[in-house]
Amino acid sequence: MQAINYIKHLNGAFLQFSKDTRLNPTHISLYVALFQLWNTNRFPEEFYINREEVMKYSKIGSKSTYHRCIKELSHWNYIIYLPSHNPYKGSKIKMLKFETSTGQALVHNSPKNDTSNGQALVPIYKHIQTIENKNINKQGNYKNSDFNDFENNSKRNSSAPNANNLKTTKNKNYNEPL
């Protein structure tokens, strides 16, 4: 058994994930769950898994999604999956090595239908302008409302019944009982 560097392997695997457009979050979640089980078993060449346990770790709720994703991970050379078809034995998994320094270097070339190679980036100054505009708009809203008229009671809109009985004053004597 070759020693596995936990961090280097995960970094290499995530590097592969970022290059592979076929993967979705369910594939990555399943791979991380399998990696955790591999780590728990102290990185053997191959190990047996329990479907319910892997589904619980990866937060996959559907058996069909689980089987589709594990077969695709095997087909795309992230793992080697050997189903047992025996509920008491469990399926056999062999994890392929993805260390960043040396070892297995798989490059997945999948056809792209997009016209660009990546996500369009927005320059940082655009975000700063947006934040400044929002702050100016907030300040402008306060200027439009007329608090002075409210303080002078010229716009007294009494929606409470018996508003005269409230007896509120600006100068309160906190020594008097309520």
N, C-alpha and C. Protein backbone atom coordinates (compact mmCIF):
# COMPACT_ATOMS: atom_id res chain seq x y z
N MET A 1 0.84 -1.19 0.00
CA MET A 1 0.00 0.00 0.00
C MET A 1 0.88 1.23 0.00
N GLN A 2 0.65 2.12 -0.95
CA GLN A 2 1.40 3.36 -1.03
C GLN A 2 0.80 4.38 -0.07
N ALA A 3 1.66 5.17 0.59
CA ALA A 3 1.18 6.19 1.51
C ALA A 3 0.45 7.29 0.74
N ILE A 4 -0.68 7.72 1.29
CA ILE A 4 -1.49 8.76 0.65
C ILE A 4 -1.37 10.03 1.48
N ASN A 5 -1.06 11.12 0.81
CA ASN A 5 -1.05 12.43 1.46
C ASN A 5 -2.46 13.00 1.31
N TYR A 6 -3.13 13.13 2.43
CA TYR A 6 -4.54 13.54 2.48
C TYR A 6 -4.75 14.87 1.74
N ILE A 7 -3.96 15.88 2.08
CA ILE A 7 -4.13 17.22 1.51
C ILE A 7 -3.79 17.22 0.03
N LYS A 8 -2.67 16.62 -0.34
CA LYS A 8 -2.27 16.61 -1.75
C LYS A 8 -3.30 15.87 -2.60
N HIS A 9 -3.83 14.79 -2.06
CA HIS A 9 -4.83 14.04 -2.83
C HIS A 9 -6.08 14.88 -3.04
N LEU A 10 -6.59 15.50 -1.98
CA LEU A 10 -7.79 16.32 -2.12
C LEU A 10 -7.56 17.50 -3.05
N ASN A 11 -6.40 18.15 -2.94
CA ASN A 11 -6.08 19.26 -3.84
C ASN A 11 -6.06 18.79 -5.28
N GLY A 12 -5.46 17.63 -5.54
CA GLY A 12 -5.42 17.09 -6.89
C GLY A 12 -6.81 16.72 -7.39
N ALA A 13 -7.62 16.14 -6.52
CA ALA A 13 -8.98 15.77 -6.92
C ALA A 13 -9.81 17.02 -7.23
N PHE A 14 -9.71 18.04 -6.39
CA PHE A 14 -10.48 19.26 -6.64
C PHE A 14 -9.98 19.99 -7.89
N LEU A 15 -8.71 19.88 -8.19
CA LEU A 15 -8.19 20.44 -9.43
C LEU A 15 -8.82 19.73 -10.63
N GLN A 16 -8.94 18.40 -10.55
CA GLN A 16 -9.59 17.64 -11.61
C GLN A 16 -11.07 18.02 -11.72
N PHE A 17 -11.73 18.20 -10.56
CA PHE A 17 -13.14 18.58 -10.57
C PHE A 17 -13.34 19.91 -11.28
N SER A 18 -12.44 20.85 -11.04
CA SER A 18 -12.59 22.18 -11.64
C SER A 18 -12.42 22.13 -13.16
N LYS A 19 -11.67 21.16 -13.66
CA LYS A 19 -11.46 21.04 -15.11
C LYS A 19 -12.56 20.26 -15.81
N ASP A 20 -13.28 19.45 -15.08
CA ASP A 20 -14.26 18.54 -15.66
C ASP A 20 -15.65 19.16 -15.65
N THR A 21 -16.18 19.48 -16.81
CA THR A 21 -17.49 20.13 -16.91
C THR A 21 -18.65 19.14 -16.77
N ARG A 22 -18.38 17.86 -16.79
CA ARG A 22 -19.44 16.86 -16.69
C ARG A 22 -19.94 16.71 -15.26
N LEU A 23 -19.14 17.06 -14.28
CA LEU A 23 -19.49 16.84 -12.88
C LEU A 23 -20.52 17.85 -12.40
N ASN A 24 -21.36 17.39 -11.50
CA ASN A 24 -22.27 18.28 -10.80
C ASN A 24 -22.03 18.12 -9.29
N PRO A 25 -22.65 18.92 -8.44
CA PRO A 25 -22.39 18.83 -7.00
C PRO A 25 -22.65 17.46 -6.40
N THR A 26 -23.56 16.69 -6.96
CA THR A 26 -23.84 15.35 -6.43
C THR A 26 -22.64 14.43 -6.64
N HIS A 27 -21.99 14.53 -7.80
CA HIS A 27 -20.79 13.72 -8.04
C HIS A 27 -19.70 14.07 -7.03
N ILE A 28 -19.50 15.35 -6.80
CA ILE A 28 -18.44 15.79 -5.89
C ILE A 28 -18.76 15.35 -4.46
N SER A 29 -20.01 15.50 -4.07
CA SER A 29 -20.42 15.07 -2.73
C SER A 29 -20.21 13.57 -2.54
N LEU A 30 -20.53 12.80 -3.55
CA LEU A 30 -20.35 11.34 -3.49
C LEU A 30 -18.87 11.01 -3.41
N TYR A 31 -18.05 11.68 -4.22
CA TYR A 31 -16.61 11.41 -4.19
C TYR A 31 -16.02 11.74 -2.81
N VAL A 32 -16.43 12.86 -2.23
CA VAL A 32 -15.91 13.25 -0.91
C VAL A 32 -16.35 12.24 0.15
N ALA A 33 -17.57 11.74 0.05
CA ALA A 33 -18.03 10.71 0.99
C ALA A 33 -17.20 9.44 0.85
N LEU A 34 -16.93 9.03 -0.39
CA LEU A 34 -16.09 7.84 -0.62
C LEU A 34 -14.66 8.09 -0.12
N PHE A 35 -14.16 9.28 -0.34
CA PHE A 35 -12.82 9.61 0.15
C PHE A 35 -12.76 9.54 1.67
N GLN A 36 -13.81 10.01 2.34
CA GLN A 36 -13.83 9.96 3.81
C GLN A 36 -13.85 8.51 4.29
N LEU A 37 -14.60 7.65 3.63
CA LEU A 37 -14.61 6.23 4.01
C LEU A 37 -13.26 5.59 3.74
N TRP A 38 -12.64 5.98 2.65
CA TRP A 38 -11.29 5.49 2.32
C TRP A 38 -10.31 5.91 3.40
N ASN A 39 -10.43 7.15 3.85
CA ASN A 39 -9.57 7.66 4.92
C ASN A 39 -9.84 6.92 6.23
N THR A 40 -11.10 6.69 6.54
CA THR A 40 -11.46 5.97 7.77
C THR A 40 -10.87 4.57 7.78
N ASN A 41 -10.81 3.95 6.61
CA ASN A 41 -10.23 2.60 6.49
C ASN A 41 -8.71 2.63 6.34
N ARG A 42 -8.10 3.80 6.47
CA ARG A 42 -6.64 3.99 6.41
C ARG A 42 -6.05 3.72 5.02
N PHE A 43 -6.77 4.17 4.00
CA PHE A 43 -6.31 4.17 2.62
C PHE A 43 -5.86 2.80 2.08
N PRO A 44 -6.72 1.79 2.15
CA PRO A 44 -6.35 0.51 1.53
C PRO A 44 -6.44 0.60 0.00
N GLU A 45 -5.89 -0.37 -0.68
CA GLU A 45 -5.97 -0.38 -2.14
C GLU A 45 -7.43 -0.43 -2.60
N GLU A 46 -8.22 -1.26 -1.92
CA GLU A 46 -9.65 -1.33 -2.21
C GLU A 46 -10.39 -1.60 -0.91
N PHE A 47 -11.65 -1.20 -0.86
CA PHE A 47 -12.45 -1.37 0.35
C PHE A 47 -13.91 -1.56 -0.04
N TYR A 48 -14.70 -2.04 0.91
CA TYR A 48 -16.12 -2.31 0.67
C TYR A 48 -16.94 -1.19 1.27
N ILE A 49 -18.04 -0.88 0.60
CA ILE A 49 -18.91 0.20 1.08
C ILE A 49 -20.33 -0.32 1.26
N ASN A 50 -21.08 0.39 2.09
CA ASN A 50 -22.48 0.15 2.31
C ASN A 50 -23.24 1.31 1.67
N ARG A 51 -24.16 1.03 0.77
CA ARG A 51 -24.85 2.06 0.02
C ARG A 51 -25.56 3.06 0.93
N GLU A 52 -26.26 2.58 1.95
CA GLU A 52 -26.99 3.48 2.84
C GLU A 52 -26.04 4.44 3.56
N GLU A 53 -24.89 3.93 3.98
CA GLU A 53 -23.92 4.76 4.67
C GLU A 53 -23.35 5.84 3.74
N VAL A 54 -23.01 5.45 2.52
CA VAL A 54 -22.47 6.41 1.56
C VAL A 54 -23.52 7.44 1.19
N MET A 55 -24.76 7.02 1.02
CA MET A 55 -25.83 7.97 0.70
C MET A 55 -26.04 8.95 1.85
N LYS A 56 -25.91 8.47 3.07
CA LYS A 56 -26.07 9.36 4.23
C LYS A 56 -24.93 10.38 4.28
N TYR A 57 -23.70 9.93 4.06
CA TYR A 57 -22.54 10.84 4.09
C TYR A 57 -22.61 11.87 2.97
N SER A 58 -23.05 11.44 1.79
CA SER A 58 -23.03 12.33 0.63
C SER A 58 -24.32 13.14 0.51
N LYS A 59 -25.28 12.90 1.38
CA LYS A 59 -26.58 13.60 1.37
C LYS A 59 -27.35 13.36 0.07
N ILE A 60 -27.25 12.15 -0.44
CA ILE A 60 -28.02 11.76 -1.63
C ILE A 60 -29.23 10.99 -1.15
N GLY A 61 -30.42 11.43 -1.57
CA GLY A 61 -31.65 10.81 -1.09
C GLY A 61 -32.24 9.76 -2.00
N SER A 62 -31.78 9.70 -3.23
CA SER A 62 -32.37 8.78 -4.21
C SER A 62 -31.38 7.69 -4.60
N LYS A 63 -31.85 6.46 -4.58
CA LYS A 63 -30.99 5.34 -4.97
C LYS A 63 -30.59 5.44 -6.44
N SER A 64 -31.51 5.89 -7.28
CA SER A 64 -31.18 6.00 -8.70
C SER A 64 -30.12 7.08 -8.94
N THR A 65 -30.19 8.18 -8.21
CA THR A 65 -29.15 9.22 -8.32
C THR A 65 -27.82 8.69 -7.84
N TYR A 66 -27.84 7.96 -6.73
CA TYR A 66 -26.61 7.37 -6.20
C TYR A 66 -25.96 6.44 -7.22
N HIS A 67 -26.75 5.52 -7.78
CA HIS A 67 -26.20 4.55 -8.74
C HIS A 67 -25.72 5.23 -10.01
N ARG A 68 -26.47 6.22 -10.48
CA ARG A 68 -26.04 6.95 -11.68
C ARG A 68 -24.71 7.65 -11.44
N CYS A 69 -24.59 8.34 -10.30
CA CYS A 69 -23.37 9.11 -10.02
C CYS A 69 -22.16 8.20 -9.78
N ILE A 70 -22.35 7.11 -9.05
CA ILE A 70 -21.20 6.24 -8.76
C ILE A 70 -20.73 5.54 -10.05
N LYS A 71 -21.67 5.18 -10.93
CA LYS A 71 -21.28 4.58 -12.20
C LYS A 71 -20.56 5.59 -13.09
N GLU A 72 -21.03 6.85 -13.08
CA GLU A 72 -20.37 7.88 -13.87
C GLU A 72 -18.98 8.20 -13.34
N LEU A 73 -18.82 8.25 -12.02
CA LEU A 73 -17.48 8.47 -11.44
C LEU A 73 -16.53 7.35 -11.84
N SER A 74 -17.04 6.14 -11.89
CA SER A 74 -16.22 5.01 -12.32
C SER A 74 -15.89 5.10 -13.81
N HIS A 75 -16.89 5.43 -14.59
CA HIS A 75 -16.69 5.54 -16.05
C HIS A 75 -15.72 6.67 -16.40
N TRP A 76 -15.74 7.77 -15.61
CA TRP A 76 -14.88 8.93 -15.87
C TRP A 76 -13.52 8.81 -15.18
N ASN A 77 -13.20 7.63 -14.63
CA ASN A 77 -11.90 7.33 -14.03
C ASN A 77 -11.55 8.16 -12.79
N TYR A 78 -12.55 8.38 -11.94
CA TYR A 78 -12.28 8.96 -10.62
C TYR A 78 -12.14 7.84 -9.59
N ILE A 79 -12.91 6.76 -9.79
CA ILE A 79 -12.86 5.59 -8.92
C ILE A 79 -12.99 4.35 -9.80
N ILE A 80 -12.77 3.19 -9.18
CA ILE A 80 -13.12 1.92 -9.83
C ILE A 80 -14.20 1.31 -8.95
N TYR A 81 -15.36 1.11 -9.55
CA TYR A 81 -16.54 0.63 -8.83
C TYR A 81 -16.86 -0.77 -9.30
N LEU A 82 -16.87 -1.72 -8.36
CA LEU A 82 -17.21 -3.11 -8.66
C LEU A 82 -18.43 -3.48 -7.82
N PRO A 83 -19.64 -3.42 -8.41
CA PRO A 83 -20.84 -3.74 -7.64
C PRO A 83 -20.88 -5.21 -7.27
N SER A 84 -21.36 -5.51 -6.08
CA SER A 84 -21.37 -6.91 -5.62
C SER A 84 -22.71 -7.58 -5.86
N HIS A 85 -23.80 -6.81 -5.92
CA HIS A 85 -25.16 -7.34 -6.04
C HIS A 85 -25.52 -8.25 -4.87
N ASN A 86 -24.76 -8.15 -3.79
CA ASN A 86 -25.02 -8.90 -2.57
C ASN A 86 -25.18 -7.88 -1.44
N PRO A 87 -26.38 -7.76 -0.87
CA PRO A 87 -26.60 -6.73 0.15
C PRO A 87 -25.79 -6.95 1.44
N TYR A 88 -25.31 -8.16 1.67
CA TYR A 88 -24.56 -8.44 2.88
C TYR A 88 -23.06 -8.18 2.71
N LYS A 89 -22.60 -8.15 1.49
CA LYS A 89 -21.18 -7.98 1.25
C LYS A 89 -20.80 -6.53 0.98
N GLY A 90 -21.58 -5.83 0.21
CA GLY A 90 -21.28 -4.45 -0.16
C GLY A 90 -20.45 -4.41 -1.43
N SER A 91 -20.43 -3.27 -2.07
CA SER A 91 -19.68 -3.10 -3.31
C SER A 91 -18.24 -2.75 -3.01
N LYS A 92 -17.36 -3.09 -3.96
CA LYS A 92 -15.94 -2.85 -3.79
C LYS A 92 -15.56 -1.56 -4.53
N ILE A 93 -14.76 -0.73 -3.85
CA ILE A 93 -14.31 0.54 -4.41
C ILE A 93 -12.79 0.59 -4.38
N LYS A 94 -12.25 1.08 -5.47
CA LYS A 94 -10.82 1.37 -5.52
C LYS A 94 -10.70 2.83 -5.91
N MET A 95 -10.06 3.60 -5.04
CA MET A 95 -9.89 5.03 -5.29
C MET A 95 -8.63 5.26 -6.11
N LEU A 96 -8.74 6.03 -7.16
CA LEU A 96 -7.57 6.38 -7.96
C LEU A 96 -6.86 7.57 -7.31
N LYS A 97 -5.57 7.65 -7.51
CA LYS A 97 -4.76 8.66 -6.82
C LYS A 97 -4.68 9.95 -7.64
N PHE A 98 -4.88 11.08 -6.97
CA PHE A 98 -4.87 12.39 -7.62
C PHE A 98 -3.94 13.35 -6.89
N GLU A 99 -2.75 12.93 -6.55
CA GLU A 99 -1.85 13.84 -5.84
C GLU A 99 -1.35 14.91 -6.79
N THR A 100 -1.08 16.10 -6.24
CA THR A 100 -0.72 17.23 -7.09
C THR A 100 0.71 17.18 -7.57
N SER A 101 1.59 16.48 -6.86
CA SER A 101 3.00 16.51 -7.24
C SER A 101 3.31 15.51 -8.34
N THR A 102 3.13 14.22 -8.08
CA THR A 102 3.41 13.20 -9.08
C THR A 102 2.27 12.21 -9.09
N GLY A 103 2.31 11.29 -10.03
CA GLY A 103 1.30 10.24 -10.05
C GLY A 103 0.37 10.42 -11.22
N GLN A 104 -0.84 10.03 -11.01
CA GLN A 104 -1.84 9.97 -12.04
C GLN A 104 -2.22 11.38 -12.51
N ALA A 105 -2.14 11.64 -13.77
CA ALA A 105 -2.50 12.94 -14.32
C ALA A 105 -3.51 12.75 -15.43
N LEU A 106 -4.76 12.78 -15.08
CA LEU A 106 -5.82 12.61 -16.06
C LEU A 106 -6.34 13.97 -16.46
N VAL A 107 -6.49 14.18 -17.74
CA VAL A 107 -7.10 15.40 -18.23
C VAL A 107 -8.33 14.97 -19.00
N HIS A 108 -9.46 15.42 -18.52
CA HIS A 108 -10.73 15.04 -19.15
C HIS A 108 -11.03 16.04 -20.25
N ASN A 109 -11.02 15.58 -21.46
CA ASN A 109 -11.37 16.43 -22.59
C ASN A 109 -12.80 16.13 -22.97
N SER A 110 -13.68 17.03 -22.62
CA SER A 110 -15.07 16.84 -23.01
C SER A 110 -15.44 17.92 -24.00
N PRO A 111 -16.28 17.58 -24.97
CA PRO A 111 -16.66 18.59 -25.95
C PRO A 111 -17.45 19.70 -25.30
N LYS A 112 -17.15 20.93 -25.70
CA LYS A 112 -17.85 22.08 -25.16
C LYS A 112 -18.72 22.68 -26.24
N ASN A 113 -19.91 23.04 -25.86
CA ASN A 113 -20.81 23.70 -26.78
C ASN A 113 -20.80 25.21 -26.57
N ASP A 114 -20.10 25.67 -25.54
CA ASP A 114 -20.06 27.09 -25.24
C ASP A 114 -19.17 27.81 -26.23
N THR A 115 -19.38 29.12 -26.34
CA THR A 115 -18.54 29.91 -27.23
C THR A 115 -17.35 30.51 -26.50
N SER A 116 -17.39 30.49 -25.16
CA SER A 116 -16.26 31.03 -24.40
C SER A 116 -15.67 29.94 -23.52
N ASN A 117 -14.50 30.20 -22.99
CA ASN A 117 -13.81 29.21 -22.16
C ASN A 117 -14.09 29.37 -20.68
N GLY A 118 -14.72 30.43 -20.26
CA GLY A 118 -14.94 30.59 -18.83
C GLY A 118 -16.04 31.59 -18.53
N GLN A 119 -16.13 31.92 -17.28
CA GLN A 119 -17.14 32.84 -16.82
C GLN A 119 -16.71 34.27 -17.11
N ALA A 120 -17.66 35.07 -17.54
CA ALA A 120 -17.36 36.47 -17.80
C ALA A 120 -17.16 37.17 -16.46
N LEU A 121 -16.07 37.91 -16.33
CA LEU A 121 -15.74 38.58 -15.09
C LEU A 121 -16.15 40.05 -15.16
N VAL A 122 -16.61 40.57 -14.03
CA VAL A 122 -16.98 41.97 -13.93
C VAL A 122 -15.87 42.67 -13.14
N PRO A 123 -15.35 43.78 -13.63
CA PRO A 123 -14.26 44.44 -12.92
C PRO A 123 -14.71 44.93 -11.54
N ILE A 124 -13.77 45.03 -10.61
CA ILE A 124 -14.08 45.37 -9.22
C ILE A 124 -14.65 46.77 -9.10
N TYR A 125 -14.20 47.73 -9.95
CA TYR A 125 -14.71 49.08 -9.82
C TYR A 125 -16.20 49.16 -10.13
N LYS A 126 -16.73 48.22 -10.90
CA LYS A 126 -18.16 48.18 -11.17
C LYS A 126 -18.92 47.90 -9.88
N HIS A 127 -18.40 47.00 -9.04
CA HIS A 127 -19.04 46.69 -7.78
C HIS A 127 -18.99 47.88 -6.84
N ILE A 128 -17.87 48.59 -6.83
CA ILE A 128 -17.72 49.74 -5.95
C ILE A 128 -18.71 50.83 -6.35
N GLN A 129 -18.87 51.06 -7.67
CA GLN A 129 -19.83 52.05 -8.13
C GLN A 129 -21.24 51.67 -7.72
N THR A 130 -21.57 50.39 -7.79
CA THR A 130 -22.90 49.94 -7.43
C THR A 130 -23.16 50.18 -5.95
N ILE A 131 -22.18 49.90 -5.11
CA ILE A 131 -22.34 50.12 -3.67
C ILE A 131 -22.51 51.60 -3.38
N GLU A 132 -21.71 52.46 -4.02
CA GLU A 132 -21.83 53.89 -3.81
C GLU A 132 -23.19 54.40 -4.25
N ASN A 133 -23.70 53.91 -5.39
CA ASN A 133 -25.01 54.33 -5.86
C ASN A 133 -26.11 53.94 -4.89
N LYS A 134 -26.02 52.76 -4.32
CA LYS A 134 -27.03 52.32 -3.36
C LYS A 134 -27.01 53.21 -2.13
N ASN A 135 -25.82 53.57 -1.65
CA ASN A 135 -25.72 54.43 -0.47
C ASN A 135 -26.29 55.82 -0.76
N ILE A 136 -26.05 56.36 -1.93
CA ILE A 136 -26.58 57.68 -2.29
C ILE A 136 -28.10 57.62 -2.33
N ASN A 137 -28.65 56.55 -2.89
CA ASN A 137 -30.10 56.42 -2.96
C ASN A 137 -30.71 56.33 -1.57
N LYS A 138 -30.06 55.64 -0.67
CA LYS A 138 -30.60 55.53 0.70
C LYS A 138 -30.60 56.89 1.38
N GLN A 139 -29.53 57.66 1.19
CA GLN A 139 -29.46 58.99 1.80
C GLN A 139 -30.52 59.90 1.19
N GLY A 140 -30.76 59.79 -0.09
CA GLY A 140 -31.75 60.62 -0.77
C GLY A 140 -33.15 60.36 -0.26
N ASN A 141 -33.47 59.11 0.09
CA ASN A 141 -34.79 58.80 0.62
C ASN A 141 -35.05 59.52 1.93
N TYR A 142 -34.05 59.67 2.76
CA TYR A 142 -34.23 60.35 4.03
C TYR A 142 -34.39 61.85 3.84
N LYS A 143 -33.77 62.38 2.81
CA LYS A 143 -33.90 63.81 2.55
C LYS A 143 -35.31 64.13 2.08
N ASN A 144 -35.95 63.21 1.37
CA ASN A 144 -37.27 63.46 0.84
C ASN A 144 -38.34 63.44 1.93
N SER A 145 -38.15 62.67 2.96
CA SER A 145 -39.16 62.65 4.02
C SER A 145 -38.94 63.85 4.92
N ASP A 146 -40.00 64.42 5.36
CA ASP A 146 -39.93 65.67 6.10
C ASP A 146 -40.16 65.38 7.58
N PHE A 147 -39.07 65.19 8.32
CA PHE A 147 -39.17 64.89 9.74
C PHE A 147 -39.51 66.13 10.55
N ASN A 148 -39.14 67.30 10.06
CA ASN A 148 -39.41 68.52 10.82
C ASN A 148 -40.90 68.76 10.97
N ASP A 149 -41.68 68.52 9.92
CA ASP A 149 -43.12 68.70 10.02
C ASP A 149 -43.72 67.72 11.03
N PHE A 150 -43.17 66.51 11.07
CA PHE A 150 -43.66 65.53 12.02
C PHE A 150 -43.39 65.97 13.45
N GLU A 151 -42.19 66.52 13.67
CA GLU A 151 -41.82 66.99 15.01
C GLU A 151 -42.69 68.16 15.44
N ASN A 152 -43.06 69.01 14.52
CA ASN A 152 -43.87 70.18 14.85
C ASN A 152 -45.35 69.87 14.92
N ASN A 153 -45.71 68.61 14.72
CA ASN A 153 -47.09 68.14 14.80
C ASN A 153 -48.01 68.80 13.78
N SER A 154 -47.45 69.33 12.71
CA SER A 154 -48.31 69.90 11.69
C SER A 154 -48.95 68.80 10.86
N LYS A 155 -48.31 67.65 10.77
CA LYS A 155 -48.87 66.52 10.02
C LYS A 155 -49.30 65.44 11.00
N ARG A 156 -50.17 65.77 11.89
CA ARG A 156 -50.59 64.80 12.89
C ARG A 156 -51.65 63.90 12.29
N ASN A 157 -51.26 62.67 12.03
CA ASN A 157 -52.19 61.68 11.49
C ASN A 157 -52.47 60.68 12.59
N SER A 158 -53.52 60.85 13.27
CA SER A 158 -53.83 60.03 14.42
C SER A 158 -54.60 58.80 13.98
N SER A 159 -53.92 57.67 14.00
CA SER A 159 -54.59 56.43 13.63
C SER A 159 -55.00 55.66 14.87
N ALA A 160 -54.50 56.06 16.06
CA ALA A 160 -54.86 55.36 17.29
C ALA A 160 -56.09 56.01 17.90
N PRO A 161 -57.04 55.18 18.37
CA PRO A 161 -58.21 55.77 19.03
C PRO A 161 -57.80 56.39 20.37
N ASN A 162 -58.45 57.48 20.74
CA ASN A 162 -58.16 58.20 21.99
C ASN A 162 -56.70 58.63 22.05
N ALA A 163 -56.22 59.23 20.99
CA ALA A 163 -54.82 59.65 20.94
C ALA A 163 -54.54 60.75 21.95
N ASN A 164 -55.56 61.51 22.36
CA ASN A 164 -55.35 62.57 23.33
C ASN A 164 -55.07 62.01 24.71
N ASN A 165 -55.44 60.78 24.97
CA ASN A 165 -55.25 60.19 26.29
C ASN A 165 -53.84 59.63 26.49
N LEU A 166 -53.01 59.66 25.46
CA LEU A 166 -51.68 59.09 25.59
C LEU A 166 -50.77 59.97 26.44
N LYS A 167 -50.94 61.28 26.42
CA LYS A 167 -50.20 62.24 27.25
C LYS A 167 -48.70 61.99 27.21
N THR A 168 -48.13 62.13 26.06
CA THR A 168 -46.68 61.99 25.93
C THR A 168 -46.04 63.36 25.89
N THR A 169 -44.88 63.49 26.52
CA THR A 169 -44.13 64.74 26.52
C THR A 169 -42.69 64.44 26.19
N LYS A 170 -41.99 65.49 25.74
CA LYS A 170 -40.59 65.32 25.43
C LYS A 170 -39.74 65.33 26.70
N ASN A 171 -40.12 66.12 27.66
CA ASN A 171 -39.38 66.19 28.92
C ASN A 171 -40.03 65.25 29.92
N LYS A 172 -39.41 64.14 30.17
CA LYS A 172 -39.95 63.13 31.07
C LYS A 172 -39.28 63.21 32.42
N ASN A 173 -40.05 63.02 33.46
CA ASN A 173 -39.55 62.96 34.82
C ASN A 173 -39.55 61.50 35.22
N TYR A 174 -38.38 60.89 35.27
CA TYR A 174 -38.28 59.47 35.55
C TYR A 174 -38.47 59.14 37.04
N ASN A 175 -38.58 60.15 37.88
CA ASN A 175 -38.82 59.91 39.30
C ASN A 175 -40.31 59.68 39.59
N GLU A 176 -41.18 60.08 38.68
CA GLU A 176 -42.62 59.89 38.88
C GLU A 176 -43.02 58.49 38.46
N PRO A 177 -44.00 57.90 39.11
CA PRO A 177 -44.49 56.58 38.71
C PRO A 177 -45.27 56.68 37.40
N LEU A 178 -45.36 55.60 36.70
CA LEU A 178 -46.11 55.56 35.45
C LEU A 178 -47.55 55.60 35.77
